[in-house]
Amino acid sequence: IVDLLAALSERDERAMIDVLIEWTGTTPV
């Protein structure tokens, strides 16, 4: 959660993608 908020505040797209991908589990994206 902290990484997601930090990525948003710093406009870091890669970091935000990494967090959301981690939440996908086994779902193919």
PDB file of all heavy atoms in Angstrom:
ATOM      1  N   ILE A   1       0.842  -1.203   0.000  1.00  0.00           N
ATOM      2  CA  ILE A   1       0.000   0.000   0.000  1.00  0.00           C
ATOM      3  C   ILE A   1       0.875   1.250   0.000  1.00  0.00           C
ATOM      4  O   ILE A   1       0.627   2.206  -0.744  1.00  0.00           O
ATOM      5  CB  ILE A   1      -0.944   0.000   1.216  1.00  0.00           C
ATOM      6  CG1 ILE A   1      -1.910  -1.182   1.133  1.00  0.00           C
ATOM      7  CG2 ILE A   1      -1.720   1.311   1.302  1.00  0.00           C
ATOM      8  CD1 ILE A   1      -2.685  -1.412   2.406  1.00  0.00           C
ATOM      9  N   VAL A   2       1.896   1.245   0.837  1.00  0.00           N
ATOM     10  CA  VAL A   2       2.813   2.385   0.890  1.00  0.00           C
ATOM     11  C   VAL A   2       3.501   2.572  -0.455  1.00  0.00           C
ATOM     12  O   VAL A   2       3.642   3.705  -0.950  1.00  0.00           O
ATOM     13  CB  VAL A   2       3.847   2.178   2.014  1.00  0.00           C
ATOM     14  CG1 VAL A   2       4.939   3.233   1.938  1.00  0.00           C
ATOM     15  CG2 VAL A   2       3.164   2.226   3.376  1.00  0.00           C
ATOM     16  N   ASP A   3       3.945   1.476  -1.077  1.00  0.00           N
ATOM     17  CA  ASP A   3       4.596   1.564  -2.383  1.00  0.00           C
ATOM     18  C   ASP A   3       3.651   2.148  -3.430  1.00  0.00           C
ATOM     19  O   ASP A   3       4.066   2.937  -4.287  1.00  0.00           O
ATOM     20  CB  ASP A   3       5.064   0.178  -2.837  1.00  0.00           C
ATOM     21  CG  ASP A   3       6.236  -0.334  -2.009  1.00  0.00           C
ATOM     22  OD1 ASP A   3       6.924   0.506  -1.387  1.00  0.00           O
ATOM     23  OD2 ASP A   3       6.456  -1.562  -1.982  1.00  0.00           O
ATOM     24  N   LEU A   4       2.381   1.747  -3.358  1.00  0.00           N
ATOM     25  CA  LEU A   4       1.405   2.258  -4.323  1.00  0.00           C
ATOM     26  C   LEU A   4       1.209   3.759  -4.155  1.00  0.00           C
ATOM     27  O   LEU A   4       1.214   4.512  -5.137  1.00  0.00           O
ATOM     28  CB  LEU A   4       0.079   1.519  -4.139  1.00  0.00           C
ATOM     29  CG  LEU A   4      -1.054   1.924  -5.094  1.00  0.00           C
ATOM     30  CD1 LEU A   4      -0.716   1.519  -6.524  1.00  0.00           C
ATOM     31  CD2 LEU A   4      -2.378   1.288  -4.674  1.00  0.00           C
ATOM     32  N   LEU A   5       1.057   4.208  -2.915  1.00  0.00           N
ATOM     33  CA  LEU A   5       0.856   5.635  -2.668  1.00  0.00           C
ATOM     34  C   LEU A   5       2.114   6.427  -3.015  1.00  0.00           C
ATOM     35  O   LEU A   5       2.027   7.538  -3.577  1.00  0.00           O
ATOM     36  CB  LEU A   5       0.477   5.854  -1.208  1.00  0.00           C
ATOM     37  CG  LEU A   5      -0.883   5.269  -0.791  1.00  0.00           C
ATOM     38  CD1 LEU A   5      -1.063   5.358   0.718  1.00  0.00           C
ATOM     39  CD2 LEU A   5      -2.018   6.003  -1.497  1.00  0.00           C
ATOM     40  N   ALA A   6       3.278   5.866  -2.692  1.00  0.00           N
ATOM     41  CA  ALA A   6       4.529   6.548  -3.036  1.00  0.00           C
ATOM     42  C   ALA A   6       4.697   6.644  -4.554  1.00  0.00           C
ATOM     43  O   ALA A   6       5.128   7.673  -5.078  1.00  0.00           O
ATOM     44  CB  ALA A   6       5.713   5.811  -2.415  1.00  0.00           C
ATOM     45  N   ALA A   7       4.349   5.570  -5.260  1.00  0.00           N
ATOM     46  CA  ALA A   7       4.445   5.587  -6.726  1.00  0.00           C
ATOM     47  C   ALA A   7       3.521   6.636  -7.317  1.00  0.00           C
ATOM     48  O   ALA A   7       3.879   7.330  -8.282  1.00  0.00           O
ATOM     49  CB  ALA A   7       4.104   4.205  -7.279  1.00  0.00           C
ATOM     50  N   LEU A   8       2.342   6.775  -6.723  1.00  0.00           N
ATOM     51  CA  LEU A   8       1.399   7.773  -7.224  1.00  0.00           C
ATOM     52  C   LEU A   8       1.906   9.183  -6.975  1.00  0.00           C
ATOM     53  O   LEU A   8       1.837  10.050  -7.853  1.00  0.00           O
ATOM     54  CB  LEU A   8       0.035   7.566  -6.553  1.00  0.00           C
ATOM     55  CG  LEU A   8      -1.093   8.457  -7.057  1.00  0.00           C
ATOM     56  CD1 LEU A   8      -1.438   8.120  -8.498  1.00  0.00           C
ATOM     57  CD2 LEU A   8      -2.331   8.292  -6.183  1.00  0.00           C
ATOM     58  N   SER A   9       2.446   9.427  -5.773  1.00  0.00           N
ATOM     59  CA  SER A   9       2.928  10.777  -5.456  1.00  0.00           C
ATOM     60  C   SER A   9       4.141  11.160  -6.292  1.00  0.00           C
ATOM     61  O   SER A   9       4.345  12.319  -6.622  1.00  0.00           O
ATOM     62  CB  SER A   9       3.248  10.867  -3.963  1.00  0.00           C
ATOM     63  OG  SER A   9       4.314   9.990  -3.637  1.00  0.00           O
ATOM     64  N   GLU A  10       4.967  10.152  -6.650  1.00  0.00           N
ATOM     65  CA  GLU A  10       6.180  10.410  -7.437  1.00  0.00           C
ATOM     66  C   GLU A  10       5.976  10.200  -8.932  1.00  0.00           C
ATOM     67  O   GLU A  10       6.920  10.299  -9.715  1.00  0.00           O
ATOM     68  CB  GLU A  10       7.312   9.501  -6.943  1.00  0.00           C
ATOM     69  CG  GLU A  10       7.693   9.767  -5.489  1.00  0.00           C
ATOM     70  CD  GLU A  10       8.667   8.713  -4.965  1.00  0.00           C
ATOM     71  OE1 GLU A  10       9.116   7.875  -5.778  1.00  0.00           O
ATOM     72  OE2 GLU A  10       8.978   8.740  -3.758  1.00  0.00           O
ATOM     73  N   ARG A  11       4.719   9.861  -9.308  1.00  0.00           N
ATOM     74  CA  ARG A  11       4.387   9.611 -10.727  1.00  0.00           C
ATOM     75  C   ARG A  11       5.277   8.505 -11.306  1.00  0.00           C
ATOM     76  O   ARG A  11       5.751   8.592 -12.437  1.00  0.00           O
ATOM     77  CB  ARG A  11       4.505  10.880 -11.564  1.00  0.00           C
ATOM     78  CG  ARG A  11       3.812  12.122 -11.007  1.00  0.00           C
ATOM     79  CD  ARG A  11       2.321  11.913 -10.791  1.00  0.00           C
ATOM     80  NE  ARG A  11       1.612  13.154 -10.525  1.00  0.00           N
ATOM     81  CZ  ARG A  11       1.231  13.567  -9.327  1.00  0.00           C
ATOM     82  NH1 ARG A  11       1.547  12.853  -8.253  1.00  0.00           N
ATOM     83  NH2 ARG A  11       0.544  14.675  -9.172  1.00  0.00           N
ATOM     84  N   ASP A  12       5.482   7.459 -10.522  1.00  0.00           N
ATOM     85  CA  ASP A  12       6.337   6.344 -10.934  1.00  0.00           C
ATOM     86  C   ASP A  12       5.455   5.223 -11.489  1.00  0.00           C
ATOM     87  O   ASP A  12       4.898   4.413 -10.744  1.00  0.00           O
ATOM     88  CB  ASP A  12       7.152   5.851  -9.739  1.00  0.00           C
ATOM     89  CG  ASP A  12       8.208   4.805 -10.132  1.00  0.00           C
ATOM     90  OD1 ASP A  12       8.090   4.240 -11.228  1.00  0.00           O
ATOM     91  OD2 ASP A  12       9.131   4.566  -9.330  1.00  0.00           O
ATOM     92  N   GLU A  13       5.332   5.165 -12.816  1.00  0.00           N
ATOM     93  CA  GLU A  13       4.453   4.184 -13.449  1.00  0.00           C
ATOM     94  C   GLU A  13       4.927   2.754 -13.200  1.00  0.00           C
ATOM     95  O   GLU A  13       4.135   1.855 -12.934  1.00  0.00           O
ATOM     96  CB  GLU A  13       4.376   4.447 -14.954  1.00  0.00           C
ATOM     97  CG  GLU A  13       3.784   5.800 -15.314  1.00  0.00           C
ATOM     98  CD  GLU A  13       3.832   6.052 -16.810  1.00  0.00           C
ATOM     99  OE1 GLU A  13       4.104   5.087 -17.561  1.00  0.00           O
ATOM    100  OE2 GLU A  13       3.591   7.204 -17.233  1.00  0.00           O
ATOM    101  N   ARG A  14       6.234   2.529 -13.305  1.00  0.00           N
ATOM    102  CA  ARG A  14       6.769   1.178 -13.168  1.00  0.00           C
ATOM    103  C   ARG A  14       6.493   0.614 -11.785  1.00  0.00           C
ATOM    104  O   ARG A  14       6.091  -0.555 -11.642  1.00  0.00           O
ATOM    105  CB  ARG A  14       8.283   1.203 -13.435  1.00  0.00           C
ATOM    106  CG  ARG A  14       8.966  -0.147 -13.479  1.00  0.00           C
ATOM    107  CD  ARG A  14       8.527  -0.941 -14.682  1.00  0.00           C
ATOM    108  NE  ARG A  14       7.549  -1.958 -14.355  1.00  0.00           N
ATOM    109  CZ  ARG A  14       6.890  -2.665 -15.241  1.00  0.00           C
ATOM    110  NH1 ARG A  14       7.068  -2.441 -16.537  1.00  0.00           N
ATOM    111  NH2 ARG A  14       6.022  -3.577 -14.882  1.00  0.00           N
ATOM    112  N   ALA A  15       6.686   1.432 -10.759  1.00  0.00           N
ATOM    113  CA  ALA A  15       6.454   0.966  -9.395  1.00  0.00           C
ATOM    114  C   ALA A  15       4.978   0.653  -9.171  1.00  0.00           C
ATOM    115  O   ALA A  15       4.630  -0.332  -8.498  1.00  0.00           O
ATOM    116  CB  ALA A  15       6.928   2.015  -8.390  1.00  0.00           C
ATOM    117  N   MET A  16       4.106   1.456  -9.746  1.00  0.00           N
ATOM    118  CA  MET A  16       2.665   1.225  -9.600  1.00  0.00           C
ATOM    119  C   MET A  16       2.253  -0.067 -10.301  1.00  0.00           C
ATOM    120  O   MET A  16       1.463  -0.857  -9.771  1.00  0.00           O
ATOM    121  CB  MET A  16       1.889   2.405 -10.164  1.00  0.00           C
ATOM    122  CG  MET A  16       0.399   2.354  -9.875  1.00  0.00           C
ATOM    123  SD  MET A  16      -0.424   3.882 -10.353  1.00  0.00           S
ATOM    124  CE  MET A  16      -2.076   3.567  -9.733  1.00  0.00           C
ATOM    125  N   ILE A  17       2.799  -0.319 -11.483  1.00  0.00           N
ATOM    126  CA  ILE A  17       2.498  -1.551 -12.212  1.00  0.00           C
ATOM    127  C   ILE A  17       2.957  -2.764 -11.412  1.00  0.00           C
ATOM    128  O   ILE A  17       2.251  -3.771 -11.314  1.00  0.00           O
ATOM    129  CB  ILE A  17       3.166  -1.528 -13.603  1.00  0.00           C
ATOM    130  CG1 ILE A  17       2.503  -0.462 -14.478  1.00  0.00           C
ATOM    131  CG2 ILE A  17       3.081  -2.892 -14.275  1.00  0.00           C
ATOM    132  CD1 ILE A  17       3.218  -0.231 -15.799  1.00  0.00           C
ATOM    133  N   ASP A  18       4.151  -2.664 -10.815  1.00  0.00           N
ATOM    134  CA  ASP A  18       4.684  -3.787 -10.048  1.00  0.00           C
ATOM    135  C   ASP A  18       3.753  -4.169  -8.898  1.00  0.00           C
ATOM    136  O   ASP A  18       3.526  -5.360  -8.630  1.00  0.00           O
ATOM    137  CB  ASP A  18       6.076  -3.450  -9.511  1.00  0.00           C
ATOM    138  CG  ASP A  18       7.125  -3.384 -10.617  1.00  0.00           C
ATOM    139  OD1 ASP A  18       6.857  -3.932 -11.704  1.00  0.00           O
ATOM    140  OD2 ASP A  18       8.189  -2.770 -10.387  1.00  0.00           O
ATOM    141  N   VAL A  19       3.209  -3.165  -8.201  1.00  0.00           N
ATOM    142  CA  VAL A  19       2.322  -3.450  -7.075  1.00  0.00           C
ATOM    143  C   VAL A  19       1.027  -4.089  -7.564  1.00  0.00           C
ATOM    144  O   VAL A  19       0.576  -5.110  -7.027  1.00  0.00           O
ATOM    145  CB  VAL A  19       2.009  -2.158  -6.291  1.00  0.00           C
ATOM    146  CG1 VAL A  19       0.961  -2.438  -5.212  1.00  0.00           C
ATOM    147  CG2 VAL A  19       3.271  -1.605  -5.649  1.00  0.00           C
ATOM    148  N   LEU A  20       0.422  -3.510  -8.599  1.00  0.00           N
ATOM    149  CA  LEU A  20      -0.848  -4.037  -9.082  1.00  0.00           C
ATOM    150  C   LEU A  20      -0.692  -5.429  -9.683  1.00  0.00           C
ATOM    151  O   LEU A  20      -1.574  -6.285  -9.528  1.00  0.00           O
ATOM    152  CB  LEU A  20      -1.456  -3.073 -10.115  1.00  0.00           C
ATOM    153  CG  LEU A  20      -1.876  -1.707  -9.565  1.00  0.00           C
ATOM    154  CD1 LEU A  20      -2.429  -0.829 -10.675  1.00  0.00           C
ATOM    155  CD2 LEU A  20      -2.914  -1.871  -8.464  1.00  0.00           C
ATOM    156  N   ILE A  21       0.421  -5.681 -10.368  1.00  0.00           N
ATOM    157  CA  ILE A  21       0.677  -7.012 -10.911  1.00  0.00           C
ATOM    158  C   ILE A  21       0.821  -8.025  -9.782  1.00  0.00           C
ATOM    159  O   ILE A  21       0.385  -9.172  -9.877  1.00  0.00           O
ATOM    160  CB  ILE A  21       1.942  -7.014 -11.804  1.00  0.00           C
ATOM    161  CG1 ILE A  21       1.676  -6.255 -13.114  1.00  0.00           C
ATOM    162  CG2 ILE A  21       2.391  -8.435 -12.102  1.00  0.00           C
ATOM    163  CD1 ILE A  21       0.663  -6.905 -14.020  1.00  0.00           C
ATOM    164  N   GLU A  22       1.431  -7.584  -8.671  1.00  0.00           N
ATOM    165  CA  GLU A  22       1.594  -8.481  -7.521  1.00  0.00           C
ATOM    166  C   GLU A  22       0.234  -8.910  -6.981  1.00  0.00           C
ATOM    167  O   GLU A  22       0.079 -10.037  -6.479  1.00  0.00           O
ATOM    168  CB  GLU A  22       2.394  -7.756  -6.420  1.00  0.00           C
ATOM    169  CG  GLU A  22       2.714  -8.609  -5.211  1.00  0.00           C
ATOM    170  CD  GLU A  22       3.690  -9.732  -5.524  1.00  0.00           C
ATOM    171  OE1 GLU A  22       4.490  -9.590  -6.474  1.00  0.00           O
ATOM    172  OE2 GLU A  22       3.631 -10.766  -4.825  1.00  0.00           O
ATOM    173  N   TRP A  23      -0.763  -8.031  -7.094  1.00  0.00           N
ATOM    174  CA  TRP A  23      -2.098  -8.349  -6.586  1.00  0.00           C
ATOM    175  C   TRP A  23      -2.883  -9.255  -7.516  1.00  0.00           C
ATOM    176  O   TRP A  23      -3.934  -9.768  -7.129  1.00  0.00           O
ATOM    177  CB  TRP A  23      -2.885  -7.058  -6.355  1.00  0.00           C
ATOM    178  CG  TRP A  23      -2.370  -6.261  -5.199  1.00  0.00           C
ATOM    179  CD1 TRP A  23      -1.518  -6.679  -4.227  1.00  0.00           C
ATOM    180  CD2 TRP A  23      -2.666  -4.887  -4.891  1.00  0.00           C
ATOM    181  NE1 TRP A  23      -1.262  -5.674  -3.332  1.00  0.00           N
ATOM    182  CE2 TRP A  23      -1.951  -4.558  -3.716  1.00  0.00           C
ATOM    183  CE3 TRP A  23      -3.453  -3.918  -5.479  1.00  0.00           C
ATOM    184  CZ2 TRP A  23      -2.019  -3.303  -3.129  1.00  0.00           C
ATOM    185  CZ3 TRP A  23      -3.526  -2.669  -4.903  1.00  0.00           C
ATOM    186  CH2 TRP A  23      -2.808  -2.352  -3.733  1.00  0.00           C
ATOM    187  N   THR A  24      -2.436  -9.449  -8.743  1.00  0.00           N
ATOM    188  CA  THR A  24      -3.188 -10.260  -9.697  1.00  0.00           C
ATOM    189  C   THR A  24      -3.123 -11.735  -9.358  1.00  0.00           C
ATOM    190  O   THR A  24      -3.989 -12.506  -9.779  1.00  0.00           O
ATOM    191  CB  THR A  24      -2.664 -10.063 -11.132  1.00  0.00           C
ATOM    192  OG1 THR A  24      -1.299 -10.526 -11.208  1.00  0.00           O
ATOM    193  CG2 THR A  24      -2.718  -8.605 -11.528  1.00  0.00           C
ATOM    194  N   GLY A  25      -2.096 -12.160  -8.621  1.00  0.00           N
ATOM    195  CA  GLY A  25      -1.954 -13.583  -8.308  1.00  0.00           C
ATOM    196  C   GLY A  25      -1.682 -14.379  -9.563  1.00  0.00           C
ATOM    197  O   GLY A  25      -0.744 -14.095 -10.311  1.00  0.00           O
ATOM    198  N   THR A  26      -2.552 -15.370  -9.826  1.00  0.00           N
ATOM    199  CA  THR A  26      -2.375 -16.225 -11.003  1.00  0.00           C
ATOM    200  C   THR A  26      -3.135 -15.725 -12.223  1.00  0.00           C
ATOM    201  O   THR A  26      -3.109 -16.369 -13.263  1.00  0.00           O
ATOM    202  CB  THR A  26      -2.845 -17.650 -10.672  1.00  0.00           C
ATOM    203  OG1 THR A  26      -4.232 -17.616 -10.264  1.00  0.00           O
ATOM    204  CG2 THR A  26      -2.009 -18.257  -9.548  1.00  0.00           C
ATOM    205  N   THR A  27      -3.815 -14.591 -12.099  1.00  0.00           N
ATOM    206  CA  THR A  27      -4.596 -14.076 -13.232  1.00  0.00           C
ATOM    207  C   THR A  27      -3.665 -13.583 -14.335  1.00  0.00           C
ATOM    208  O   THR A  27      -2.803 -12.726 -14.094  1.00  0.00           O
ATOM    209  CB  THR A  27      -5.496 -12.910 -12.771  1.00  0.00           C
ATOM    210  OG1 THR A  27      -6.309 -13.346 -11.683  1.00  0.00           O
ATOM    211  CG2 THR A  27      -6.385 -12.435 -13.906  1.00  0.00           C
ATOM    212  N   PRO A  28      -3.803 -14.104 -15.565  1.00  0.00           N
ATOM    213  CA  PRO A  28      -2.945 -13.623 -16.660  1.00  0.00           C
ATOM    214  C   PRO A  28      -3.314 -12.204 -17.064  1.00  0.00           C
ATOM    215  O   PRO A  28      -4.488 -11.850 -17.153  1.00  0.00           O
ATOM    216  CB  PRO A  28      -3.241 -14.618 -17.796  1.00  0.00           C
ATOM    217  CG  PRO A  28      -4.604 -15.158 -17.491  1.00  0.00           C
ATOM    218  CD  PRO A  28      -4.725 -15.165 -15.999  1.00  0.00           C
ATOM    219  N   VAL A  29      -2.311 -11.377 -17.283  1.00  0.00           N
ATOM    220  CA  VAL A  29      -2.530  -9.969 -17.623  1.00  0.00           C
ATOM    221  C   VAL A  29      -1.623  -9.602 -18.793  1.00  0.00           C
ATOM    222  O   VAL A  29      -0.449  -9.998 -18.832  1.00  0.00           O
ATOM    223  CB  VAL A  29      -2.222  -9.058 -16.411  1.00  0.00           C
ATOM    224  CG1 VAL A  29      -2.367  -7.594 -16.789  1.00  0.00           C
ATOM    225  CG2 VAL A  29      -3.142  -9.392 -15.251  1.00  0.00           C
TER     226      VAL A  29
END
